């Protein structure tokens, strides 16, 4: 079971972006189980399909436990939260014994287009580098143009391949002049404030 006493409070931040949308980004907690179930239930069939590559209307109790109980090192999930509701989730899972990690995102339909996925990717990349992860791997459907754009405009040198309608992407997380310019451009459209005294985990 993950050691939740190691909750990384330094990853909690308040964000203003996309037309004065204000929300909080923080690491997920076991106590988020009900909020995660409610978030998943609000996803459109298309958004759920894009995330899981199959029709997946309901999370099982095993999935909820797996998604909310992370070790904050090899497995990390960040949630975007507004008024006590989860509106987006981004996570990485390190490949065993390597410095590579699978990364994935899903954002509530009514909040897509506000830069939440890009913000989650930026925050996950920062946390991953601090934890010795050097490369992100991702898979997304060719039709999921919004998510493809998030990766391709990240500023990282993205390698991609296509097979049977699924795009596989690989990109190193080392900061470069290009990634810094892309990040600066995104930061010009949002405000991210790190909390000096984040709330205790529950």
N, C-alpha and C. Protein backbone atom coordinates (compact mmCIF):
# COMPACT_ATOMS: atom_id res chain seq x y z
N UNK A 1 0.85 -1.19 0.00
CA UNK A 1 0.00 0.00 0.00
C UNK A 1 0.89 1.24 0.00
N UNK A 2 0.58 2.26 -0.80
CA UNK A 2 1.39 3.46 -0.85
C UNK A 2 1.49 4.15 0.50
N UNK A 3 2.62 4.76 0.75
CA UNK A 3 2.85 5.50 1.98
C UNK A 3 2.32 6.92 1.80
N UNK A 4 1.06 7.16 2.20
CA UNK A 4 0.46 8.47 1.97
C UNK A 4 1.02 9.54 2.89
N UNK A 5 1.86 9.14 3.87
CA UNK A 5 2.51 10.16 4.69
C UNK A 5 3.53 10.94 3.87
N UNK A 6 3.87 10.43 2.70
CA UNK A 6 4.82 11.10 1.83
C UNK A 6 4.10 11.96 0.79
N UNK A 7 2.90 12.35 1.10
CA UNK A 7 2.12 13.17 0.18
C UNK A 7 2.93 14.40 -0.24
N UNK A 8 3.16 14.59 -1.55
CA UNK A 8 4.02 15.68 -2.03
C UNK A 8 3.28 17.02 -2.08
N UNK A 9 3.17 17.67 -0.94
CA UNK A 9 2.41 18.91 -0.84
C UNK A 9 2.98 20.01 -1.73
N UNK A 10 4.26 19.89 -2.10
CA UNK A 10 4.87 20.91 -2.96
C UNK A 10 4.28 20.92 -4.37
N UNK A 11 3.50 19.90 -4.70
CA UNK A 11 2.87 19.83 -6.02
C UNK A 11 1.47 20.44 -6.04
N UNK A 12 1.03 21.01 -4.94
CA UNK A 12 -0.27 21.67 -4.90
C UNK A 12 -0.13 23.11 -5.40
N UNK A 13 -1.00 23.51 -6.31
CA UNK A 13 -0.95 24.86 -6.84
C UNK A 13 -2.33 25.35 -7.21
N UNK A 14 -2.48 26.65 -7.24
CA UNK A 14 -3.72 27.29 -7.69
C UNK A 14 -3.47 27.87 -9.07
N UNK A 15 -4.42 27.69 -9.97
CA UNK A 15 -4.24 28.04 -11.37
C UNK A 15 -5.36 28.95 -11.83
N UNK A 16 -5.00 29.94 -12.63
CA UNK A 16 -5.97 30.77 -13.33
C UNK A 16 -5.63 30.67 -14.81
N UNK A 17 -6.58 30.21 -15.63
CA UNK A 17 -6.29 30.03 -17.05
C UNK A 17 -7.57 30.04 -17.84
N UNK A 18 -7.43 30.10 -19.17
CA UNK A 18 -8.55 29.89 -20.08
C UNK A 18 -9.79 30.69 -19.79
N UNK A 19 -9.71 32.03 -19.86
CA UNK A 19 -10.89 32.85 -19.63
C UNK A 19 -11.24 32.97 -18.17
N UNK A 20 -10.22 33.14 -17.32
CA UNK A 20 -10.40 33.36 -15.89
C UNK A 20 -10.96 32.13 -15.17
N UNK A 21 -10.69 30.94 -15.69
CA UNK A 21 -11.05 29.72 -15.00
C UNK A 21 -10.07 29.51 -13.85
N UNK A 22 -10.59 29.32 -12.65
CA UNK A 22 -9.76 29.16 -11.46
C UNK A 22 -9.96 27.76 -10.88
N UNK A 23 -8.86 27.04 -10.71
CA UNK A 23 -8.95 25.70 -10.17
C UNK A 23 -7.65 25.35 -9.45
N UNK A 24 -7.67 24.25 -8.75
CA UNK A 24 -6.50 23.77 -7.99
C UNK A 24 -5.98 22.50 -8.63
N UNK A 25 -4.67 22.37 -8.68
CA UNK A 25 -4.03 21.13 -9.12
C UNK A 25 -3.29 20.56 -7.92
N UNK A 26 -3.51 19.28 -7.68
CA UNK A 26 -2.87 18.63 -6.52
C UNK A 26 -2.74 17.14 -6.78
N UNK A 27 -1.84 16.47 -6.05
CA UNK A 27 -1.75 15.01 -6.17
C UNK A 27 -3.04 14.35 -5.67
N UNK A 28 -3.39 13.25 -6.28
CA UNK A 28 -4.58 12.52 -5.88
C UNK A 28 -4.37 11.89 -4.52
N UNK A 29 -5.49 11.59 -3.81
CA UNK A 29 -5.44 10.97 -2.50
C UNK A 29 -6.43 9.81 -2.46
N UNK A 30 -6.24 8.85 -1.57
CA UNK A 30 -7.22 7.77 -1.45
C UNK A 30 -8.63 8.29 -1.17
N UNK A 31 -8.73 9.42 -0.46
CA UNK A 31 -10.03 9.99 -0.16
C UNK A 31 -10.75 10.57 -1.36
N UNK A 32 -10.11 10.56 -2.52
CA UNK A 32 -10.74 11.08 -3.75
C UNK A 32 -11.58 10.04 -4.47
N UNK A 33 -11.75 8.87 -3.89
CA UNK A 33 -12.43 7.79 -4.60
C UNK A 33 -13.81 8.20 -5.11
N UNK A 34 -14.64 8.76 -4.24
CA UNK A 34 -15.99 9.13 -4.66
C UNK A 34 -15.96 10.24 -5.71
N UNK A 35 -15.04 11.20 -5.55
CA UNK A 35 -14.92 12.28 -6.53
C UNK A 35 -14.47 11.75 -7.88
N UNK A 36 -13.58 10.76 -7.88
CA UNK A 36 -13.11 10.18 -9.14
C UNK A 36 -14.25 9.43 -9.84
N UNK A 37 -15.04 8.69 -9.09
CA UNK A 37 -16.17 7.98 -9.67
C UNK A 37 -17.15 8.97 -10.29
N UNK A 38 -17.43 10.07 -9.58
CA UNK A 38 -18.36 11.08 -10.10
C UNK A 38 -17.80 11.74 -11.35
N UNK A 39 -16.50 12.02 -11.35
CA UNK A 39 -15.85 12.61 -12.52
C UNK A 39 -15.98 11.69 -13.73
N UNK A 40 -15.69 10.42 -13.53
CA UNK A 40 -15.77 9.46 -14.63
C UNK A 40 -17.19 9.35 -15.17
N UNK A 41 -18.17 9.41 -14.26
CA UNK A 41 -19.57 9.27 -14.68
C UNK A 41 -20.02 10.45 -15.54
N UNK A 42 -19.36 11.60 -15.40
CA UNK A 42 -19.74 12.78 -16.18
C UNK A 42 -19.10 12.82 -17.56
N UNK A 43 -18.12 11.96 -17.81
CA UNK A 43 -17.44 11.96 -19.10
C UNK A 43 -18.40 11.51 -20.20
N UNK A 44 -18.29 12.14 -21.35
CA UNK A 44 -19.08 11.69 -22.49
C UNK A 44 -18.55 10.34 -22.97
N UNK A 45 -19.36 9.56 -23.68
CA UNK A 45 -18.87 8.29 -24.22
C UNK A 45 -17.59 8.47 -25.04
N UNK A 46 -17.50 9.57 -25.80
CA UNK A 46 -16.31 9.78 -26.62
C UNK A 46 -15.08 10.03 -25.76
N UNK A 47 -15.20 10.88 -24.75
CA UNK A 47 -14.05 11.16 -23.88
C UNK A 47 -13.60 9.91 -23.15
N UNK A 48 -14.55 9.12 -22.68
CA UNK A 48 -14.20 7.86 -22.02
C UNK A 48 -13.51 6.90 -23.00
N UNK A 49 -14.02 6.85 -24.22
CA UNK A 49 -13.43 5.98 -25.24
C UNK A 49 -12.01 6.42 -25.58
N UNK A 50 -11.81 7.73 -25.72
CA UNK A 50 -10.47 8.24 -26.03
C UNK A 50 -9.49 7.90 -24.90
N UNK A 51 -9.95 7.91 -23.65
CA UNK A 51 -9.06 7.63 -22.52
C UNK A 51 -8.74 6.15 -22.42
N UNK A 52 -9.75 5.29 -22.57
CA UNK A 52 -9.56 3.86 -22.29
C UNK A 52 -9.51 2.99 -23.54
N UNK A 53 -9.71 3.60 -24.73
CA UNK A 53 -9.65 2.88 -26.00
C UNK A 53 -10.75 1.82 -26.11
N UNK A 54 -11.78 1.96 -25.31
CA UNK A 54 -12.92 1.07 -25.36
C UNK A 54 -14.07 1.75 -24.64
N UNK A 55 -15.28 1.28 -24.86
CA UNK A 55 -16.42 1.82 -24.13
C UNK A 55 -16.30 1.40 -22.67
N UNK A 56 -16.22 2.38 -21.78
CA UNK A 56 -15.91 2.08 -20.37
C UNK A 56 -16.73 3.02 -19.48
N UNK A 57 -18.03 2.76 -19.36
CA UNK A 57 -18.90 3.70 -18.66
C UNK A 57 -18.74 3.75 -17.15
N UNK A 58 -18.21 2.68 -16.55
CA UNK A 58 -18.14 2.61 -15.09
C UNK A 58 -16.79 2.09 -14.63
N UNK A 59 -16.22 2.73 -13.63
CA UNK A 59 -14.99 2.24 -13.03
C UNK A 59 -15.30 1.18 -12.00
N UNK A 60 -14.55 0.10 -12.01
CA UNK A 60 -14.72 -0.94 -10.99
C UNK A 60 -14.09 -0.47 -9.69
N UNK A 61 -14.46 -1.09 -8.59
CA UNK A 61 -13.87 -0.72 -7.30
C UNK A 61 -12.37 -0.98 -7.30
N UNK A 62 -11.93 -2.01 -8.02
CA UNK A 62 -10.49 -2.29 -8.12
C UNK A 62 -9.77 -1.18 -8.87
N UNK A 63 -10.39 -0.67 -9.94
CA UNK A 63 -9.79 0.43 -10.70
C UNK A 63 -9.72 1.70 -9.85
N UNK A 64 -10.80 1.98 -9.13
CA UNK A 64 -10.81 3.18 -8.28
C UNK A 64 -9.70 3.11 -7.25
N UNK A 65 -9.53 1.96 -6.62
CA UNK A 65 -8.48 1.79 -5.62
C UNK A 65 -7.10 1.97 -6.26
N UNK A 66 -6.93 1.38 -7.44
CA UNK A 66 -5.64 1.49 -8.14
C UNK A 66 -5.34 2.93 -8.54
N UNK A 67 -6.34 3.63 -9.03
CA UNK A 67 -6.14 5.00 -9.52
C UNK A 67 -5.91 6.00 -8.39
N UNK A 68 -6.50 5.75 -7.23
CA UNK A 68 -6.40 6.74 -6.15
C UNK A 68 -5.27 6.44 -5.16
N UNK A 69 -4.76 5.23 -5.16
CA UNK A 69 -3.67 4.87 -4.25
C UNK A 69 -2.38 4.76 -5.06
N UNK A 70 -1.60 5.82 -5.02
CA UNK A 70 -0.33 5.88 -5.76
C UNK A 70 0.81 6.09 -4.77
N UNK A 71 2.04 5.85 -5.21
CA UNK A 71 3.17 5.99 -4.29
C UNK A 71 3.87 7.35 -4.43
N UNK A 72 3.39 8.20 -5.36
CA UNK A 72 3.90 9.56 -5.58
C UNK A 72 5.34 9.58 -6.08
N UNK A 73 5.88 8.44 -6.44
CA UNK A 73 7.23 8.35 -7.00
C UNK A 73 7.16 7.66 -8.35
N UNK A 74 6.95 6.34 -8.34
CA UNK A 74 6.85 5.58 -9.58
C UNK A 74 5.47 5.71 -10.20
N UNK A 75 4.48 6.01 -9.38
CA UNK A 75 3.12 6.25 -9.87
C UNK A 75 2.63 7.55 -9.25
N UNK A 76 2.28 8.49 -10.11
CA UNK A 76 1.81 9.79 -9.63
C UNK A 76 0.60 10.21 -10.46
N UNK A 77 -0.42 10.70 -9.79
CA UNK A 77 -1.59 11.25 -10.47
C UNK A 77 -1.88 12.63 -9.90
N UNK A 78 -2.16 13.57 -10.79
CA UNK A 78 -2.54 14.92 -10.40
C UNK A 78 -3.98 15.14 -10.83
N UNK A 79 -4.76 15.79 -9.97
CA UNK A 79 -6.12 16.13 -10.33
C UNK A 79 -6.25 17.64 -10.41
N UNK A 80 -7.08 18.09 -11.35
CA UNK A 80 -7.51 19.48 -11.39
C UNK A 80 -8.87 19.50 -10.72
N UNK A 81 -9.04 20.40 -9.74
CA UNK A 81 -10.24 20.40 -8.91
C UNK A 81 -10.87 21.78 -8.90
N UNK A 82 -12.17 21.83 -9.03
CA UNK A 82 -12.93 23.09 -9.01
C UNK A 82 -14.16 22.90 -8.14
N UNK A 83 -14.28 23.73 -7.11
CA UNK A 83 -15.44 23.66 -6.22
C UNK A 83 -15.66 22.25 -5.67
N UNK A 84 -14.57 21.57 -5.33
CA UNK A 84 -14.67 20.24 -4.74
C UNK A 84 -14.89 19.12 -5.71
N UNK A 85 -14.97 19.42 -7.01
CA UNK A 85 -15.17 18.40 -8.02
C UNK A 85 -13.91 18.27 -8.88
N UNK A 86 -13.58 17.03 -9.22
CA UNK A 86 -12.47 16.77 -10.14
C UNK A 86 -12.92 17.12 -11.55
N UNK A 87 -12.10 17.92 -12.26
CA UNK A 87 -12.42 18.29 -13.64
C UNK A 87 -11.35 17.80 -14.61
N UNK A 88 -10.29 17.20 -14.11
CA UNK A 88 -9.26 16.65 -14.97
C UNK A 88 -8.31 15.78 -14.17
N UNK A 89 -7.73 14.79 -14.82
CA UNK A 89 -6.77 13.89 -14.18
C UNK A 89 -5.63 13.63 -15.16
N UNK A 90 -4.41 13.73 -14.66
CA UNK A 90 -3.24 13.35 -15.43
C UNK A 90 -2.38 12.44 -14.57
N UNK A 91 -1.80 11.43 -15.15
CA UNK A 91 -1.01 10.49 -14.35
C UNK A 91 0.14 9.92 -15.17
N UNK A 92 1.17 9.49 -14.43
CA UNK A 92 2.22 8.70 -15.07
C UNK A 92 2.45 7.44 -14.26
N UNK A 93 2.89 6.39 -14.94
CA UNK A 93 3.26 5.13 -14.33
C UNK A 93 4.61 4.72 -14.89
N UNK A 94 5.59 4.65 -14.01
CA UNK A 94 6.94 4.29 -14.45
C UNK A 94 6.98 2.84 -14.93
N UNK A 95 7.70 2.61 -16.04
CA UNK A 95 7.97 1.25 -16.48
C UNK A 95 8.94 0.62 -15.49
N UNK A 96 8.64 -0.58 -14.98
CA UNK A 96 9.49 -1.19 -13.94
C UNK A 96 10.96 -1.22 -14.31
N UNK A 97 11.79 -0.75 -13.39
CA UNK A 97 13.24 -0.81 -13.57
C UNK A 97 13.79 0.11 -14.64
N UNK A 98 13.04 1.15 -15.01
CA UNK A 98 13.50 2.03 -16.08
C UNK A 98 13.32 3.49 -15.69
N UNK A 99 13.75 4.38 -16.58
CA UNK A 99 13.54 5.81 -16.37
C UNK A 99 12.48 6.33 -17.35
N UNK A 100 11.59 5.43 -17.80
CA UNK A 100 10.49 5.79 -18.70
C UNK A 100 9.16 5.60 -17.98
N UNK A 101 8.19 6.41 -18.36
CA UNK A 101 6.87 6.30 -17.74
C UNK A 101 5.78 6.55 -18.76
N UNK A 102 4.70 5.79 -18.64
CA UNK A 102 3.50 6.01 -19.45
C UNK A 102 2.73 7.18 -18.85
N UNK A 103 2.26 8.08 -19.72
CA UNK A 103 1.51 9.23 -19.24
C UNK A 103 0.16 9.27 -19.95
N UNK A 104 -0.88 9.70 -19.21
CA UNK A 104 -2.23 9.75 -19.79
C UNK A 104 -3.02 10.85 -19.10
N UNK A 105 -4.03 11.37 -19.82
CA UNK A 105 -4.85 12.48 -19.32
C UNK A 105 -6.29 12.28 -19.72
N UNK A 106 -7.18 12.87 -18.95
CA UNK A 106 -8.57 13.02 -19.36
C UNK A 106 -9.12 14.24 -18.65
N UNK A 107 -9.87 15.05 -19.40
CA UNK A 107 -10.44 16.29 -18.87
C UNK A 107 -11.95 16.25 -19.10
N UNK A 108 -12.71 16.71 -18.12
CA UNK A 108 -14.17 16.76 -18.24
C UNK A 108 -14.55 17.52 -19.50
N UNK A 109 -15.56 17.05 -20.20
CA UNK A 109 -15.94 17.61 -21.50
C UNK A 109 -16.17 19.12 -21.44
N UNK A 110 -16.87 19.58 -20.41
CA UNK A 110 -17.21 21.01 -20.34
C UNK A 110 -16.01 21.89 -20.04
N UNK A 111 -14.86 21.29 -19.67
CA UNK A 111 -13.67 22.07 -19.37
C UNK A 111 -12.54 21.84 -20.37
N UNK A 112 -12.82 21.11 -21.44
CA UNK A 112 -11.81 20.92 -22.48
C UNK A 112 -11.62 22.24 -23.23
N UNK A 113 -10.39 22.48 -23.69
CA UNK A 113 -10.10 23.71 -24.40
C UNK A 113 -9.65 24.85 -23.52
N UNK A 114 -9.47 24.58 -22.20
CA UNK A 114 -9.03 25.61 -21.26
C UNK A 114 -7.56 25.45 -20.87
N UNK A 115 -6.84 24.55 -21.54
CA UNK A 115 -5.42 24.37 -21.24
C UNK A 115 -5.14 23.50 -20.04
N UNK A 116 -6.15 22.78 -19.54
CA UNK A 116 -5.95 21.96 -18.34
C UNK A 116 -5.00 20.79 -18.62
N UNK A 117 -5.18 20.11 -19.75
CA UNK A 117 -4.30 18.98 -20.07
C UNK A 117 -2.85 19.43 -20.23
N UNK A 118 -2.64 20.58 -20.86
CA UNK A 118 -1.27 21.09 -21.02
C UNK A 118 -0.65 21.42 -19.67
N UNK A 119 -1.45 22.00 -18.78
CA UNK A 119 -0.95 22.33 -17.44
C UNK A 119 -0.61 21.05 -16.69
N UNK A 120 -1.46 20.03 -16.77
CA UNK A 120 -1.18 18.77 -16.10
C UNK A 120 0.08 18.12 -16.66
N UNK A 121 0.27 18.19 -17.97
CA UNK A 121 1.49 17.63 -18.57
C UNK A 121 2.72 18.38 -18.05
N UNK A 122 2.66 19.69 -18.01
CA UNK A 122 3.80 20.47 -17.52
C UNK A 122 4.14 20.11 -16.08
N UNK A 123 3.11 20.00 -15.24
CA UNK A 123 3.33 19.69 -13.84
C UNK A 123 3.84 18.26 -13.66
N UNK A 124 3.29 17.32 -14.42
CA UNK A 124 3.77 15.94 -14.33
C UNK A 124 5.21 15.81 -14.81
N UNK A 125 5.56 16.53 -15.88
CA UNK A 125 6.93 16.48 -16.39
C UNK A 125 7.91 17.02 -15.35
N UNK A 126 7.55 18.11 -14.71
CA UNK A 126 8.41 18.69 -13.66
C UNK A 126 8.60 17.70 -12.52
N UNK A 127 7.50 17.09 -12.07
CA UNK A 127 7.58 16.12 -10.98
C UNK A 127 8.36 14.88 -11.41
N UNK A 128 8.15 14.43 -12.64
CA UNK A 128 8.84 13.22 -13.13
C UNK A 128 10.35 13.43 -13.17
N UNK A 129 10.78 14.59 -13.67
CA UNK A 129 12.23 14.86 -13.71
C UNK A 129 12.83 14.80 -12.31
N UNK A 130 12.12 15.34 -11.33
CA UNK A 130 12.61 15.32 -9.96
C UNK A 130 12.68 13.91 -9.39
N UNK A 131 11.97 12.97 -10.00
CA UNK A 131 11.92 11.59 -9.53
C UNK A 131 12.70 10.65 -10.43
N UNK A 132 13.58 11.20 -11.26
CA UNK A 132 14.48 10.38 -12.06
C UNK A 132 13.89 9.80 -13.32
N UNK A 133 12.71 10.27 -13.72
CA UNK A 133 12.11 9.81 -14.97
C UNK A 133 12.60 10.71 -16.10
N UNK A 134 13.07 10.11 -17.16
CA UNK A 134 13.71 10.86 -18.25
C UNK A 134 12.86 10.90 -19.53
N UNK A 135 11.92 9.98 -19.67
CA UNK A 135 11.16 9.88 -20.92
C UNK A 135 9.70 9.57 -20.62
N UNK A 136 8.81 10.24 -21.34
CA UNK A 136 7.39 9.92 -21.28
C UNK A 136 6.98 9.14 -22.53
N UNK A 137 6.13 8.17 -22.33
CA UNK A 137 5.52 7.40 -23.41
C UNK A 137 4.02 7.65 -23.35
N UNK A 138 3.40 7.76 -24.49
CA UNK A 138 1.95 7.99 -24.52
C UNK A 138 1.35 7.30 -25.73
N UNK A 139 0.09 6.95 -25.60
CA UNK A 139 -0.68 6.40 -26.71
C UNK A 139 -2.00 7.13 -26.77
N UNK A 140 -2.40 7.52 -27.96
CA UNK A 140 -3.70 8.18 -28.12
C UNK A 140 -4.27 7.83 -29.47
N UNK A 141 -5.56 7.95 -29.60
CA UNK A 141 -6.21 7.62 -30.86
C UNK A 141 -6.00 8.74 -31.87
N UNK A 142 -5.88 8.38 -33.12
CA UNK A 142 -5.63 9.36 -34.17
C UNK A 142 -6.72 10.43 -34.20
N UNK A 143 -7.95 10.05 -33.88
CA UNK A 143 -9.06 11.02 -33.90
C UNK A 143 -9.00 12.02 -32.74
N UNK A 144 -8.22 11.71 -31.74
CA UNK A 144 -8.16 12.57 -30.55
C UNK A 144 -7.18 13.72 -30.80
N UNK A 145 -7.60 14.64 -31.67
CA UNK A 145 -6.70 15.71 -32.10
C UNK A 145 -6.29 16.63 -30.96
N UNK A 146 -7.22 16.89 -30.02
CA UNK A 146 -6.89 17.77 -28.91
C UNK A 146 -5.73 17.23 -28.09
N UNK A 147 -5.77 15.94 -27.79
CA UNK A 147 -4.70 15.37 -26.99
C UNK A 147 -3.40 15.28 -27.78
N UNK A 148 -3.50 14.96 -29.05
CA UNK A 148 -2.29 14.95 -29.88
C UNK A 148 -1.64 16.33 -29.89
N UNK A 149 -2.46 17.37 -29.99
CA UNK A 149 -1.92 18.73 -30.00
C UNK A 149 -1.22 19.06 -28.70
N UNK A 150 -1.75 18.57 -27.57
CA UNK A 150 -1.10 18.81 -26.28
C UNK A 150 0.33 18.28 -26.30
N UNK A 151 0.49 17.06 -26.78
CA UNK A 151 1.83 16.45 -26.82
C UNK A 151 2.72 17.13 -27.87
N UNK A 152 2.18 17.36 -29.06
CA UNK A 152 3.01 17.86 -30.15
C UNK A 152 3.41 19.32 -29.96
N UNK A 153 2.65 20.07 -29.15
CA UNK A 153 2.99 21.46 -28.88
C UNK A 153 3.66 21.64 -27.52
N UNK A 154 4.08 20.53 -26.92
CA UNK A 154 4.70 20.61 -25.60
C UNK A 154 6.08 21.27 -25.63
N UNK A 155 6.71 21.25 -26.80
CA UNK A 155 8.07 21.78 -26.90
C UNK A 155 9.13 20.71 -26.82
N UNK A 156 8.74 19.51 -26.43
CA UNK A 156 9.69 18.40 -26.38
C UNK A 156 9.81 17.76 -27.77
N UNK A 157 10.95 17.16 -28.09
CA UNK A 157 11.10 16.48 -29.38
C UNK A 157 10.34 15.17 -29.39
N UNK A 158 9.15 15.18 -29.96
CA UNK A 158 8.25 14.03 -29.90
C UNK A 158 8.45 13.12 -31.11
N UNK A 159 8.71 11.85 -30.84
CA UNK A 159 8.73 10.84 -31.90
C UNK A 159 7.39 10.13 -31.89
N UNK A 160 6.85 9.83 -33.06
CA UNK A 160 5.53 9.20 -33.09
C UNK A 160 5.48 8.13 -34.17
N UNK A 161 4.60 7.18 -33.95
CA UNK A 161 4.34 6.13 -34.93
C UNK A 161 2.85 5.80 -34.88
N UNK A 162 2.34 5.34 -36.01
CA UNK A 162 0.91 5.07 -36.14
C UNK A 162 0.69 3.61 -36.50
N UNK A 163 -0.22 2.97 -35.78
CA UNK A 163 -0.58 1.59 -36.09
C UNK A 163 -2.04 1.37 -35.74
N UNK A 164 -2.82 0.97 -36.74
CA UNK A 164 -4.24 0.65 -36.54
C UNK A 164 -5.00 1.78 -35.84
N UNK A 165 -4.72 3.02 -36.21
CA UNK A 165 -5.45 4.15 -35.67
C UNK A 165 -4.98 4.64 -34.33
N UNK A 166 -3.94 4.03 -33.78
CA UNK A 166 -3.38 4.46 -32.49
C UNK A 166 -2.01 5.09 -32.71
N UNK A 167 -1.84 6.28 -32.17
CA UNK A 167 -0.57 6.99 -32.28
C UNK A 167 0.24 6.75 -31.01
N UNK A 168 1.44 6.23 -31.14
CA UNK A 168 2.36 6.04 -30.03
C UNK A 168 3.39 7.15 -30.06
N UNK A 169 3.59 7.80 -28.91
CA UNK A 169 4.50 8.93 -28.83
C UNK A 169 5.57 8.67 -27.77
N UNK A 170 6.76 9.15 -28.04
CA UNK A 170 7.88 9.04 -27.11
C UNK A 170 8.57 10.39 -27.09
N UNK A 171 8.80 10.93 -25.89
CA UNK A 171 9.53 12.19 -25.85
C UNK A 171 10.35 12.32 -24.57
N UNK A 172 11.62 12.73 -24.71
CA UNK A 172 12.47 12.95 -23.55
C UNK A 172 12.02 14.20 -22.81
N UNK A 173 12.23 14.20 -21.49
CA UNK A 173 11.77 15.31 -20.65
C UNK A 173 12.86 16.32 -20.33
N UNK A 174 14.06 16.10 -20.87
CA UNK A 174 15.13 17.07 -20.62
C UNK A 174 14.73 18.43 -21.17
N UNK A 175 14.95 19.47 -20.36
CA UNK A 175 14.60 20.81 -20.80
C UNK A 175 15.52 21.27 -21.92
N UNK A 176 14.93 21.88 -22.93
CA UNK A 176 15.68 22.40 -24.06
C UNK A 176 15.22 23.84 -24.31
N UNK A 177 15.90 24.52 -25.20
CA UNK A 177 15.48 25.87 -25.54
C UNK A 177 14.05 25.86 -26.09
N UNK A 178 13.73 24.85 -26.88
CA UNK A 178 12.39 24.75 -27.46
C UNK A 178 11.34 24.51 -26.38
N UNK A 179 11.62 23.60 -25.44
CA UNK A 179 10.63 23.32 -24.39
C UNK A 179 10.46 24.52 -23.47
N UNK A 180 11.54 25.26 -23.23
CA UNK A 180 11.42 26.46 -22.37
C UNK A 180 10.60 27.54 -23.06
N UNK A 181 10.78 27.69 -24.37
CA UNK A 181 9.98 28.69 -25.10
C UNK A 181 8.51 28.30 -25.09
N UNK A 182 8.23 27.02 -25.31
CA UNK A 182 6.85 26.56 -25.33
C UNK A 182 6.21 26.74 -23.95
N UNK A 183 6.96 26.43 -22.90
CA UNK A 183 6.44 26.60 -21.55
C UNK A 183 6.19 28.08 -21.24
N UNK A 184 7.11 28.93 -21.65
CA UNK A 184 6.94 30.37 -21.42
C UNK A 184 5.71 30.89 -22.14
N UNK A 185 5.46 30.37 -23.33
CA UNK A 185 4.27 30.78 -24.08
C UNK A 185 3.00 30.36 -23.37
N UNK A 186 2.98 29.15 -22.82
CA UNK A 186 1.81 28.70 -22.07
C UNK A 186 1.65 29.48 -20.78
N UNK A 187 2.77 29.75 -20.11
CA UNK A 187 2.70 30.50 -18.85
C UNK A 187 2.19 31.92 -19.05
N UNK A 188 2.35 32.46 -20.26
CA UNK A 188 1.86 33.81 -20.53
C UNK A 188 0.34 33.86 -20.55
N UNK A 189 -0.32 32.70 -20.66
CA UNK A 189 -1.78 32.66 -20.74
C UNK A 189 -2.42 32.13 -19.46
N UNK A 190 -1.60 31.90 -18.42
CA UNK A 190 -2.12 31.35 -17.17
C UNK A 190 -1.26 31.83 -16.00
N UNK A 191 -1.80 31.68 -14.82
CA UNK A 191 -1.06 31.99 -13.59
C UNK A 191 -1.06 30.74 -12.72
N UNK A 192 0.11 30.31 -12.29
CA UNK A 192 0.25 29.14 -11.45
C UNK A 192 0.92 29.58 -10.15
N UNK A 193 0.20 29.43 -9.04
CA UNK A 193 0.73 29.85 -7.74
C UNK A 193 0.91 28.64 -6.86
N UNK A 194 2.18 28.37 -6.46
CA UNK A 194 2.45 27.27 -5.54
C UNK A 194 1.97 27.66 -4.14
N UNK A 195 1.32 26.75 -3.48
CA UNK A 195 0.87 27.04 -2.12
C UNK A 195 2.00 26.84 -1.12
N UNK A 196 2.19 27.82 -0.26
CA UNK A 196 3.24 27.71 0.76
C UNK A 196 2.81 26.78 1.89
N UNK A 197 1.49 26.70 2.14
CA UNK A 197 0.97 25.83 3.20
C UNK A 197 -0.21 25.02 2.66
N UNK A 198 0.07 24.00 1.85
CA UNK A 198 -1.02 23.23 1.26
C UNK A 198 -1.82 22.49 2.33
N UNK A 199 -3.05 22.12 2.02
CA UNK A 199 -3.87 21.39 2.97
C UNK A 199 -3.31 19.99 3.22
N UNK A 200 -3.53 19.50 4.40
CA UNK A 200 -3.06 18.15 4.74
C UNK A 200 -3.87 17.13 3.96
N UNK A 201 -3.24 16.01 3.57
CA UNK A 201 -3.96 14.98 2.82
C UNK A 201 -5.04 14.33 3.66
N UNK A 202 -6.09 13.84 2.96
CA UNK A 202 -7.17 13.14 3.66
C UNK A 202 -7.57 11.92 2.85
